[in-house]
């Protein structure tokens, strides 16, 4: 119930995602199974100021299947890949919607999104 998109991926892919949940980079090959049209994302490595905290990844850019002709989508806010995989994938989904909404508002002034 935490991440409904998991219902639409195969059992094999779901097991692989959940077994490698601590490494966001390893989930990248499965993003197209989770999000339609999303091929890959660009990560930004963040080093915390405190030495005791592990470095983590932020997702800052999305690449779709049509990026050969179009442009990648830069997220308005980077998505932190911390916590459970279903939590940060939910944050990624919300960030994608907000970023697309912002692009539409910016480029189509009369759009009410």
Foldseek 3Di string as FASTA:
>chain_A
DLAVLLVQADPVLSVQCQVPLVDVVSNQPVVCSRDPFWRGFDWDWDDDPDPVDDIWIWTFWTDGPPCVPNPIFGFPDTQTSDDGNSVSVVVVVVRVVVSVVVVCCVPPVVDDD
